[in-house]
Amino acid sequence: MTACEGCENGRISATESFGSVDGPGIRFIVFLQGCRYRCLYCHNPETWALTGGYEAAPEEILRQALRYRPYWKQMGGITVSGGEPLLQIPFVTALFRRAKERGVSTVIDTAGEPFTRDEPFFSAFAQLLPLTDLFLLDLKHIDAAKHTALVGASNEQPLALARFLSERGKRMWIRHVLVPGWTTGADDLRRLSDFIAGLRSVARVEVLPYHAMARHKYEAMNLPYRLGDTPAPTAEEIARAEEILRVGDYTGYLH
């Protein structure tokens, strides 16, 4: 379940001091190592391996983050991203417990792949849940077969996580990467919109336009960039997706 089974240290890929698109306000971003998805458009392939990066204790990462607290104002805080944060639950739980003791906002950016109600994952996740203020949940595709083609695995677990967070009334933002030829189909977007409408704790929906800015990372790692010359979505494709998914803040919509 974790890169450091049974301990609180984490495997860190990188940190970012002034993240502005990973949750409310200005945030300190912790990118963790390890992900079992192989998304065709992944912009952090260096985070795939659980053994990469460097080892750090929760206290060390919190100390780094708190240096930038004056810039966070009331909305900012810490976001743990990846890779996949839920593969390192002991570390994230320890970090967030210390963060909450200091009154720091906590966010997890996840694709939901590790989620299960089976043990030992579920008990560990139950400890993390009350320490997390917001989940940024990346729903990559509503169609199971297309999801598998896009990322190499079924969408059963991320959809199950979305339903679970809804059941618990846990605040989440839904994010959807818009990739021409893969995730821009109107019927699929309507199905995703219907799924989101059935969740009761969605506070925001975002469309993230695909870009190929990470292509150089694949070249440096001698990995094939499998989307080839796939273009960025057009303004029309973005506008249509935003309309179908009802992009925006749902703060008053929670039901």
C-alpha atoms as a PDB file:
ATOM      1  CA  MET A   1       0.000   0.000   0.000  1.00  0.00           C
ATOM      2  CA  THR A   2       2.910   2.346   0.627  1.00  0.00           C
ATOM      3  CA  ALA A   3       6.445   2.959  -0.509  1.00  0.00           C
ATOM      4  CA  CYS A   4       7.547   2.652   3.121  1.00  0.00           C
ATOM      5  CA  GLU A   5       5.303  -0.120   4.465  1.00  0.00           C
ATOM      6  CA  GLY A   6       4.584   0.305   8.165  1.00  0.00           C
ATOM      7  CA  CYS A   7       6.423   3.612   8.597  1.00  0.00           C
ATOM      8  CA  GLU A   8       5.531   7.291   8.340  1.00  0.00           C
ATOM      9  CA  ASN A   9       8.320   8.460   6.037  1.00  0.00           C
ATOM     10  CA  GLY A  10       7.384   9.182   2.439  1.00  0.00           C
ATOM     11  CA  ARG A  11       8.989   8.888  -0.967  1.00  0.00           C
ATOM     12  CA  ILE A  12       8.973  12.399  -2.401  1.00  0.00           C
ATOM     13  CA  SER A  13       9.384  13.248  -6.078  1.00  0.00           C
ATOM     14  CA  ALA A  14       9.413  17.041  -5.708  1.00  0.00           C
ATOM     15  CA  THR A  15       7.811  19.993  -3.951  1.00  0.00           C
ATOM     16  CA  GLU A  16       6.446  23.260  -5.308  1.00  0.00           C
ATOM     17  CA  SER A  17       6.310  26.369  -3.154  1.00  0.00           C
ATOM     18  CA  PHE A  18       3.614  28.437  -4.851  1.00  0.00           C
ATOM     19  CA  GLY A  19       1.010  26.184  -6.462  1.00  0.00           C
ATOM     20  CA  SER A  20      -2.018  28.094  -7.685  1.00  0.00           C
ATOM     21  CA  VAL A  21      -4.076  25.403  -9.480  1.00  0.00           C
ATOM     22  CA  ASP A  22      -4.087  22.564  -6.934  1.00  0.00           C
ATOM     23  CA  GLY A  23      -6.792  23.621  -4.527  1.00  0.00           C
ATOM     24  CA  PRO A  24      -7.950  26.881  -2.964  1.00  0.00           C
ATOM     25  CA  GLY A  25      -5.492  29.754  -2.761  1.00  0.00           C
ATOM     26  CA  ILE A  26      -1.696  29.522  -2.877  1.00  0.00           C
ATOM     27  CA  ARG A  27      -0.516  26.079  -1.826  1.00  0.00           C
ATOM     28  CA  PHE A  28       2.647  24.149  -1.032  1.00  0.00           C
ATOM     29  CA  ILE A  29       2.499  21.071  -3.294  1.00  0.00           C
ATOM     30  CA  VAL A  30       4.086  17.740  -2.360  1.00  0.00           C
ATOM     31  CA  PHE A  31       4.474  15.389  -5.310  1.00  0.00           C
ATOM     32  CA  LEU A  32       4.802  11.805  -4.083  1.00  0.00           C
ATOM     33  CA  GLN A  33       6.418   8.878  -5.858  1.00  0.00           C
ATOM     34  CA  GLY A  34       4.431   5.911  -7.087  1.00  0.00           C
ATOM     35  CA  CYS A  35       1.466   5.425  -9.408  1.00  0.00           C
ATOM     36  CA  ARG A  36      -0.053   2.297 -10.920  1.00  0.00           C
ATOM     37  CA  TYR A  37      -1.822   4.191 -13.718  1.00  0.00           C
ATOM     38  CA  ARG A  38      -0.032   4.799 -16.987  1.00  0.00           C
ATOM     39  CA  CYS A  39      -2.095   7.663 -18.389  1.00  0.00           C
ATOM     40  CA  LEU A  40      -1.317   8.402 -22.021  1.00  0.00           C
ATOM     41  CA  TYR A  41      -1.113  12.116 -21.186  1.00  0.00           C
ATOM     42  CA  CYS A  42       0.659  11.877 -17.826  1.00  0.00           C
ATOM     43  CA  HIS A  43       2.787  14.963 -17.254  1.00  0.00           C
ATOM     44  CA  ASN A  44       4.721  13.442 -14.318  1.00  0.00           C
ATOM     45  CA  PRO A  45       6.120  10.100 -15.615  1.00  0.00           C
ATOM     46  CA  GLU A  46       9.071  10.522 -13.269  1.00  0.00           C
ATOM     47  CA  THR A  47       6.672   9.789 -10.382  1.00  0.00           C
ATOM     48  CA  TRP A  48       5.571   6.343 -11.598  1.00  0.00           C
ATOM     49  CA  ALA A  49       8.170   4.282  -9.718  1.00  0.00           C
ATOM     50  CA  LEU A  50       7.657   3.773  -5.995  1.00  0.00           C
ATOM     51  CA  THR A  51      11.424   3.623  -5.561  1.00  0.00           C
ATOM     52  CA  GLY A  52      12.233   7.001  -7.114  1.00  0.00           C
ATOM     53  CA  GLY A  53      12.663  10.380  -5.498  1.00  0.00           C
ATOM     54  CA  TYR A  54      13.963  10.759  -1.967  1.00  0.00           C
ATOM     55  CA  GLU A  55      12.815   9.736   1.491  1.00  0.00           C
ATOM     56  CA  ALA A  56      11.558  12.389   3.911  1.00  0.00           C
ATOM     57  CA  ALA A  57       9.815  12.512   7.265  1.00  0.00           C
ATOM     58  CA  PRO A  58       6.470  14.277   7.718  1.00  0.00           C
ATOM     59  CA  GLU A  59       8.046  16.810  10.085  1.00  0.00           C
ATOM     60  CA  GLU A  60      10.640  17.739   7.479  1.00  0.00           C
ATOM     61  CA  ILE A  61       8.047  18.373   4.762  1.00  0.00           C
ATOM     62  CA  LEU A  62       5.843  20.369   7.141  1.00  0.00           C
ATOM     63  CA  ARG A  63       8.783  22.563   8.123  1.00  0.00           C
ATOM     64  CA  GLN A  64       9.434  23.295   4.455  1.00  0.00           C
ATOM     65  CA  ALA A  65       5.778  24.112   3.856  1.00  0.00           C
ATOM     66  CA  LEU A  66       5.431  26.441   6.842  1.00  0.00           C
ATOM     67  CA  ARG A  67       8.173  28.703   5.503  1.00  0.00           C
ATOM     68  CA  TYR A  68       5.637  29.873   2.917  1.00  0.00           C
ATOM     69  CA  ARG A  69       2.659  30.226   5.237  1.00  0.00           C
ATOM     70  CA  PRO A  70       2.700  34.060   5.102  1.00  0.00           C
ATOM     71  CA  TYR A  71       1.779  33.803   1.403  1.00  0.00           C
ATOM     72  CA  TRP A  72      -1.178  31.446   1.903  1.00  0.00           C
ATOM     73  CA  LYS A  73      -3.509  34.012   3.477  1.00  0.00           C
ATOM     74  CA  GLN A  74      -6.798  32.396   4.602  1.00  0.00           C
ATOM     75  CA  MET A  75      -7.362  29.996   1.705  1.00  0.00           C
ATOM     76  CA  GLY A  76      -3.969  28.403   1.071  1.00  0.00           C
ATOM     77  CA  GLY A  77      -2.250  25.415   2.614  1.00  0.00           C
ATOM     78  CA  ILE A  78      -0.756  22.044   1.658  1.00  0.00           C
ATOM     79  CA  THR A  79      -1.759  19.828  -1.265  1.00  0.00           C
ATOM     80  CA  VAL A  80      -0.366  16.312  -1.638  1.00  0.00           C
ATOM     81  CA  SER A  81      -0.294  15.153  -5.243  1.00  0.00           C
ATOM     82  CA  GLY A  82       1.709  12.645  -7.200  1.00  0.00           C
ATOM     83  CA  GLY A  83       2.064  10.103  -8.454  1.00  0.00           C
ATOM     84  CA  GLU A  84      -0.792   8.761  -6.375  1.00  0.00           C
ATOM     85  CA  PRO A  85      -0.979   9.986  -2.740  1.00  0.00           C
ATOM     86  CA  LEU A  86      -3.214   7.120  -1.625  1.00  0.00           C
ATOM     87  CA  LEU A  87      -0.328   4.701  -2.181  1.00  0.00           C
ATOM     88  CA  GLN A  88       1.457   6.391   0.748  1.00  0.00           C
ATOM     89  CA  ILE A  89      -1.346   6.781   3.273  1.00  0.00           C
ATOM     90  CA  PRO A  90       0.791   6.458   6.453  1.00  0.00           C
ATOM     91  CA  PHE A  91       2.975   9.378   5.353  1.00  0.00           C
ATOM     92  CA  VAL A  92       0.061  11.565   4.212  1.00  0.00           C
ATOM     93  CA  THR A  93      -1.842  10.842   7.431  1.00  0.00           C
ATOM     94  CA  ALA A  94       1.168  11.741   9.576  1.00  0.00           C
ATOM     95  CA  LEU A  95       1.797  14.918   7.568  1.00  0.00           C
ATOM     96  CA  PHE A  96      -1.842  16.008   7.701  1.00  0.00           C
ATOM     97  CA  ARG A  97      -2.154  15.262  11.424  1.00  0.00           C
ATOM     98  CA  ARG A  98       0.739  17.606  12.105  1.00  0.00           C
ATOM     99  CA  ALA A  99      -0.633  20.148   9.642  1.00  0.00           C
ATOM    100  CA  LYS A 100      -4.033  20.227  11.351  1.00  0.00           C
ATOM    101  CA  GLU A 101      -2.308  20.762  14.704  1.00  0.00           C
ATOM    102  CA  ARG A 102      -0.937  23.963  13.163  1.00  0.00           C
ATOM    103  CA  GLY A 103      -4.293  24.943  11.626  1.00  0.00           C
ATOM    104  CA  VAL A 104      -3.174  24.279   8.034  1.00  0.00           C
ATOM    105  CA  SER A 105      -5.609  23.497   5.210  1.00  0.00           C
ATOM    106  CA  THR A 106      -5.069  20.025   3.699  1.00  0.00           C
ATOM    107  CA  VAL A 107      -5.895  18.803   0.192  1.00  0.00           C
ATOM    108  CA  ILE A 108      -5.322  15.507  -1.635  1.00  0.00           C
ATOM    109  CA  ASP A 109      -5.063  15.395  -5.434  1.00  0.00           C
ATOM    110  CA  THR A 110      -5.923  11.798  -6.391  1.00  0.00           C
ATOM    111  CA  ALA A 111      -7.032   9.595  -9.264  1.00  0.00           C
ATOM    112  CA  GLY A 112      -8.564   7.173  -6.760  1.00  0.00           C
ATOM    113  CA  GLU A 113      -6.959   4.013  -8.165  1.00  0.00           C
ATOM    114  CA  PRO A 114      -5.930   2.433  -4.836  1.00  0.00           C
ATOM    115  CA  PHE A 115      -9.365   2.899  -3.218  1.00  0.00           C
ATOM    116  CA  THR A 116     -11.069  -0.205  -1.843  1.00  0.00           C
ATOM    117  CA  ARG A 117     -13.305  -1.019   1.093  1.00  0.00           C
ATOM    118  CA  ASP A 118     -11.116  -4.063   1.762  1.00  0.00           C
ATOM    119  CA  GLU A 119      -8.536  -4.180   4.526  1.00  0.00           C
ATOM    120  CA  PRO A 120      -5.928  -3.040   5.334  1.00  0.00           C
ATOM    121  CA  PHE A 121      -6.511  -0.088   2.988  1.00  0.00           C
ATOM    122  CA  PHE A 122      -9.925   0.915   4.286  1.00  0.00           C
ATOM    123  CA  SER A 123      -8.976   1.301   7.941  1.00  0.00           C
ATOM    124  CA  ALA A 124      -5.929   3.356   6.980  1.00  0.00           C
ATOM    125  CA  PHE A 125      -8.019   5.541   4.689  1.00  0.00           C
ATOM    126  CA  ALA A 126     -10.589   6.040   7.467  1.00  0.00           C
ATOM    127  CA  GLN A 127      -7.847   7.628   9.597  1.00  0.00           C
ATOM    128  CA  LEU A 128      -6.826   9.965   6.780  1.00  0.00           C
ATOM    129  CA  LEU A 129     -10.369  11.046   5.901  1.00  0.00           C
ATOM    130  CA  PRO A 130     -11.082  13.442   8.823  1.00  0.00           C
ATOM    131  CA  LEU A 131      -7.662  15.061   8.400  1.00  0.00           C
ATOM    132  CA  THR A 132      -8.347  15.969   4.751  1.00  0.00           C
ATOM    133  CA  ASP A 133     -10.305  19.149   4.026  1.00  0.00           C
ATOM    134  CA  LEU A 134     -10.759  18.603   0.296  1.00  0.00           C
ATOM    135  CA  PHE A 135     -10.248  15.900  -2.323  1.00  0.00           C
ATOM    136  CA  LEU A 136      -9.348  16.831  -5.888  1.00  0.00           C
ATOM    137  CA  LEU A 137     -10.626  13.749  -7.722  1.00  0.00           C
ATOM    138  CA  ASP A 138      -9.487  13.242 -11.301  1.00  0.00           C
ATOM    139  CA  LEU A 139     -12.177  11.283 -13.166  1.00  0.00           C
ATOM    140  CA  LYS A 140     -10.409  10.333 -16.363  1.00  0.00           C
ATOM    141  CA  HIS A 141     -13.217   8.599 -18.272  1.00  0.00           C
ATOM    142  CA  ILE A 142     -16.742   7.449 -17.442  1.00  0.00           C
ATOM    143  CA  ASP A 143     -16.617   4.501 -19.874  1.00  0.00           C
ATOM    144  CA  ALA A 144     -14.824   1.488 -18.361  1.00  0.00           C
ATOM    145  CA  ALA A 145     -13.313   0.182 -21.609  1.00  0.00           C
ATOM    146  CA  LYS A 146     -12.163   3.630 -22.762  1.00  0.00           C
ATOM    147  CA  HIS A 147     -10.763   4.302 -19.305  1.00  0.00           C
ATOM    148  CA  THR A 148      -8.715   1.113 -19.520  1.00  0.00           C
ATOM    149  CA  ALA A 149      -7.397   2.092 -22.949  1.00  0.00           C
ATOM    150  CA  LEU A 150      -6.494   5.558 -21.656  1.00  0.00           C
ATOM    151  CA  VAL A 151      -4.785   4.688 -18.365  1.00  0.00           C
ATOM    152  CA  GLY A 152      -4.282   0.908 -18.315  1.00  0.00           C
ATOM    153  CA  ALA A 153      -6.883   0.056 -15.668  1.00  0.00           C
ATOM    154  CA  SER A 154     -10.626   0.054 -15.018  1.00  0.00           C
ATOM    155  CA  ASN A 155     -12.468   3.077 -13.618  1.00  0.00           C
ATOM    156  CA  GLU A 156     -14.164   0.981 -10.923  1.00  0.00           C
ATOM    157  CA  GLN A 157     -12.019   2.293  -8.063  1.00  0.00           C
ATOM    158  CA  PRO A 158     -12.151   6.064  -8.790  1.00  0.00           C
ATOM    159  CA  LEU A 159     -15.914   5.892  -9.258  1.00  0.00           C
ATOM    160  CA  ALA A 160     -16.204   3.933  -6.013  1.00  0.00           C
ATOM    161  CA  LEU A 161     -14.140   6.594  -4.232  1.00  0.00           C
ATOM    162  CA  ALA A 162     -16.395   9.344  -5.605  1.00  0.00           C
ATOM    163  CA  ARG A 163     -19.469   7.520  -4.299  1.00  0.00           C
ATOM    164  CA  PHE A 164     -17.840   6.929  -0.917  1.00  0.00           C
ATOM    165  CA  LEU A 165     -16.834  10.567  -0.489  1.00  0.00           C
ATOM    166  CA  SER A 166     -20.384  11.538  -1.427  1.00  0.00           C
ATOM    167  CA  GLU A 167     -21.837   9.139   1.151  1.00  0.00           C
ATOM    168  CA  ARG A 168     -19.621  10.658   3.843  1.00  0.00           C
ATOM    169  CA  GLY A 169     -20.404  14.219   2.712  1.00  0.00           C
ATOM    170  CA  LYS A 170     -16.701  14.806   2.104  1.00  0.00           C
ATOM    171  CA  ARG A 171     -16.024  17.896   0.028  1.00  0.00           C
ATOM    172  CA  MET A 172     -14.488  17.265  -3.398  1.00  0.00           C
ATOM    173  CA  TRP A 173     -13.620  18.952  -6.647  1.00  0.00           C
ATOM    174  CA  ILE A 174     -14.079  16.839  -9.770  1.00  0.00           C
ATOM    175  CA  ARG A 175     -11.464  17.311 -12.505  1.00  0.00           C
ATOM    176  CA  HIS A 176     -11.542  15.970 -16.058  1.00  0.00           C
ATOM    177  CA  VAL A 177      -8.656  16.156 -18.518  1.00  0.00           C
ATOM    178  CA  LEU A 178      -9.933  16.976 -21.994  1.00  0.00           C
ATOM    179  CA  VAL A 179      -7.966  15.013 -24.624  1.00  0.00           C
ATOM    180  CA  PRO A 180      -9.107  15.328 -28.263  1.00  0.00           C
ATOM    181  CA  GLY A 181     -10.167  11.942 -29.633  1.00  0.00           C
ATOM    182  CA  TRP A 182     -10.195  10.391 -26.165  1.00  0.00           C
ATOM    183  CA  THR A 183     -12.325  12.357 -23.685  1.00  0.00           C
ATOM    184  CA  THR A 184     -14.111  14.931 -25.850  1.00  0.00           C
ATOM    185  CA  GLY A 185     -17.091  12.812 -26.953  1.00  0.00           C
ATOM    186  CA  ALA A 186     -20.409  14.484 -26.135  1.00  0.00           C
ATOM    187  CA  ASP A 187     -22.136  11.235 -25.090  1.00  0.00           C
ATOM    188  CA  ASP A 188     -19.329  10.328 -22.707  1.00  0.00           C
ATOM    189  CA  LEU A 189     -19.315  13.838 -21.266  1.00  0.00           C
ATOM    190  CA  ARG A 190     -23.080  13.642 -20.673  1.00  0.00           C
ATOM    191  CA  ARG A 191     -22.678  10.308 -18.895  1.00  0.00           C
ATOM    192  CA  LEU A 192     -19.951  11.828 -16.720  1.00  0.00           C
ATOM    193  CA  SER A 193     -22.145  14.851 -16.026  1.00  0.00           C
ATOM    194  CA  ASP A 194     -25.000  12.577 -14.929  1.00  0.00           C
ATOM    195  CA  PHE A 195     -22.645  10.702 -12.611  1.00  0.00           C
ATOM    196  CA  ILE A 196     -21.381  13.919 -11.048  1.00  0.00           C
ATOM    197  CA  ALA A 197     -24.945  15.191 -10.605  1.00  0.00           C
ATOM    198  CA  GLY A 198     -25.650  12.156  -8.430  1.00  0.00           C
ATOM    199  CA  LEU A 199     -22.876  13.051  -5.980  1.00  0.00           C
ATOM    200  CA  ARG A 200     -23.891  15.233  -3.048  1.00  0.00           C
ATOM    201  CA  SER A 201     -20.582  16.760  -1.952  1.00  0.00           C
ATOM    202  CA  VAL A 202     -19.121  18.150  -5.185  1.00  0.00           C
ATOM    203  CA  ALA A 203     -18.044  21.744  -4.581  1.00  0.00           C
ATOM    204  CA  ARG A 204     -16.459  22.412  -7.971  1.00  0.00           C
ATOM    205  CA  VAL A 205     -16.074  20.897 -11.443  1.00  0.00           C
ATOM    206  CA  GLU A 206     -13.033  21.678 -13.599  1.00  0.00           C
ATOM    207  CA  VAL A 207     -12.033  20.861 -17.178  1.00  0.00           C
ATOM    208  CA  LEU A 208      -8.267  20.629 -17.674  1.00  0.00           C
ATOM    209  CA  PRO A 209      -7.260  20.998 -21.352  1.00  0.00           C
ATOM    210  CA  TYR A 210      -4.667  18.476 -22.537  1.00  0.00           C
ATOM    211  CA  HIS A 211      -1.200  19.742 -23.443  1.00  0.00           C
ATOM    212  CA  ALA A 212       2.019  18.043 -24.537  1.00  0.00           C
ATOM    213  CA  MET A 213       4.397  20.104 -22.405  1.00  0.00           C
ATOM    214  CA  ALA A 214       5.793  16.969 -20.726  1.00  0.00           C
ATOM    215  CA  ARG A 215       6.947  15.377 -24.001  1.00  0.00           C
ATOM    216  CA  HIS A 216      10.568  16.275 -23.199  1.00  0.00           C
ATOM    217  CA  LYS A 217      10.377  14.211 -19.992  1.00  0.00           C
ATOM    218  CA  TYR A 218       9.499  11.097 -21.985  1.00  0.00           C
ATOM    219  CA  GLU A 219      12.381  11.728 -24.353  1.00  0.00           C
ATOM    220  CA  ALA A 220      14.782  12.166 -21.437  1.00  0.00           C
ATOM    221  CA  MET A 221      13.529   8.919 -19.861  1.00  0.00           C
ATOM    222  CA  ASN A 222      13.609   7.028 -23.192  1.00  0.00           C
ATOM    223  CA  LEU A 223       9.866   6.416 -22.973  1.00  0.00           C
ATOM    224  CA  PRO A 224       7.511   6.530 -25.961  1.00  0.00           C
ATOM    225  CA  TYR A 225       5.101   9.461 -25.987  1.00  0.00           C
ATOM    226  CA  ARG A 226       2.037   7.533 -27.089  1.00  0.00           C
ATOM    227  CA  LEU A 227      -0.259  10.443 -27.900  1.00  0.00           C
ATOM    228  CA  GLY A 228       2.017  11.444 -30.763  1.00  0.00           C
ATOM    229  CA  ASP A 229       0.798  14.618 -32.423  1.00  0.00           C
ATOM    230  CA  THR A 230      -2.516  14.835 -30.561  1.00  0.00           C
ATOM    231  CA  PRO A 231      -3.391  18.551 -30.516  1.00  0.00           C
ATOM    232  CA  ALA A 232      -4.619  20.596 -27.598  1.00  0.00           C
ATOM    233  CA  PRO A 233      -8.417  20.849 -27.501  1.00  0.00           C
ATOM    234  CA  THR A 234      -9.934  23.722 -29.435  1.00  0.00           C
ATOM    235  CA  ALA A 235     -11.769  26.581 -27.766  1.00  0.00           C
ATOM    236  CA  GLU A 236     -15.010  25.096 -29.075  1.00  0.00           C
ATOM    237  CA  GLU A 237     -14.254  21.665 -27.589  1.00  0.00           C
ATOM    238  CA  ILE A 238     -13.398  23.223 -24.239  1.00  0.00           C
ATOM    239  CA  ALA A 239     -16.546  25.364 -24.216  1.00  0.00           C
ATOM    240  CA  ARG A 240     -18.750  22.376 -25.084  1.00  0.00           C
ATOM    241  CA  ALA A 241     -17.198  20.221 -22.354  1.00  0.00           C
ATOM    242  CA  GLU A 242     -17.561  23.015 -19.798  1.00  0.00           C
ATOM    243  CA  GLU A 243     -21.206  23.441 -20.718  1.00  0.00           C
ATOM    244  CA  ILE A 244     -22.021  19.723 -20.537  1.00  0.00           C
ATOM    245  CA  LEU A 245     -20.140  19.208 -17.268  1.00  0.00           C
ATOM    246  CA  ARG A 246     -21.540  22.424 -15.792  1.00  0.00           C
ATOM    247  CA  VAL A 247     -18.072  23.654 -14.890  1.00  0.00           C
ATOM    248  CA  GLY A 248     -17.809  26.061 -11.987  1.00  0.00           C
ATOM    249  CA  ASP A 249     -18.290  26.370  -8.242  1.00  0.00           C
ATOM    250  CA  TYR A 250     -21.074  24.310  -6.702  1.00  0.00           C
ATOM    251  CA  THR A 251     -20.759  25.659  -3.179  1.00  0.00           C
ATOM    252  CA  GLY A 252     -24.434  26.494  -3.012  1.00  0.00           C
ATOM    253  CA  TYR A 253     -25.376  23.336  -4.885  1.00  0.00           C
ATOM    254  CA  LEU A 254     -24.285  20.762  -2.309  1.00  0.00           C
ATOM    255  CA  HIS A 255     -27.248  18.503  -1.588  1.00  0.00           C
END
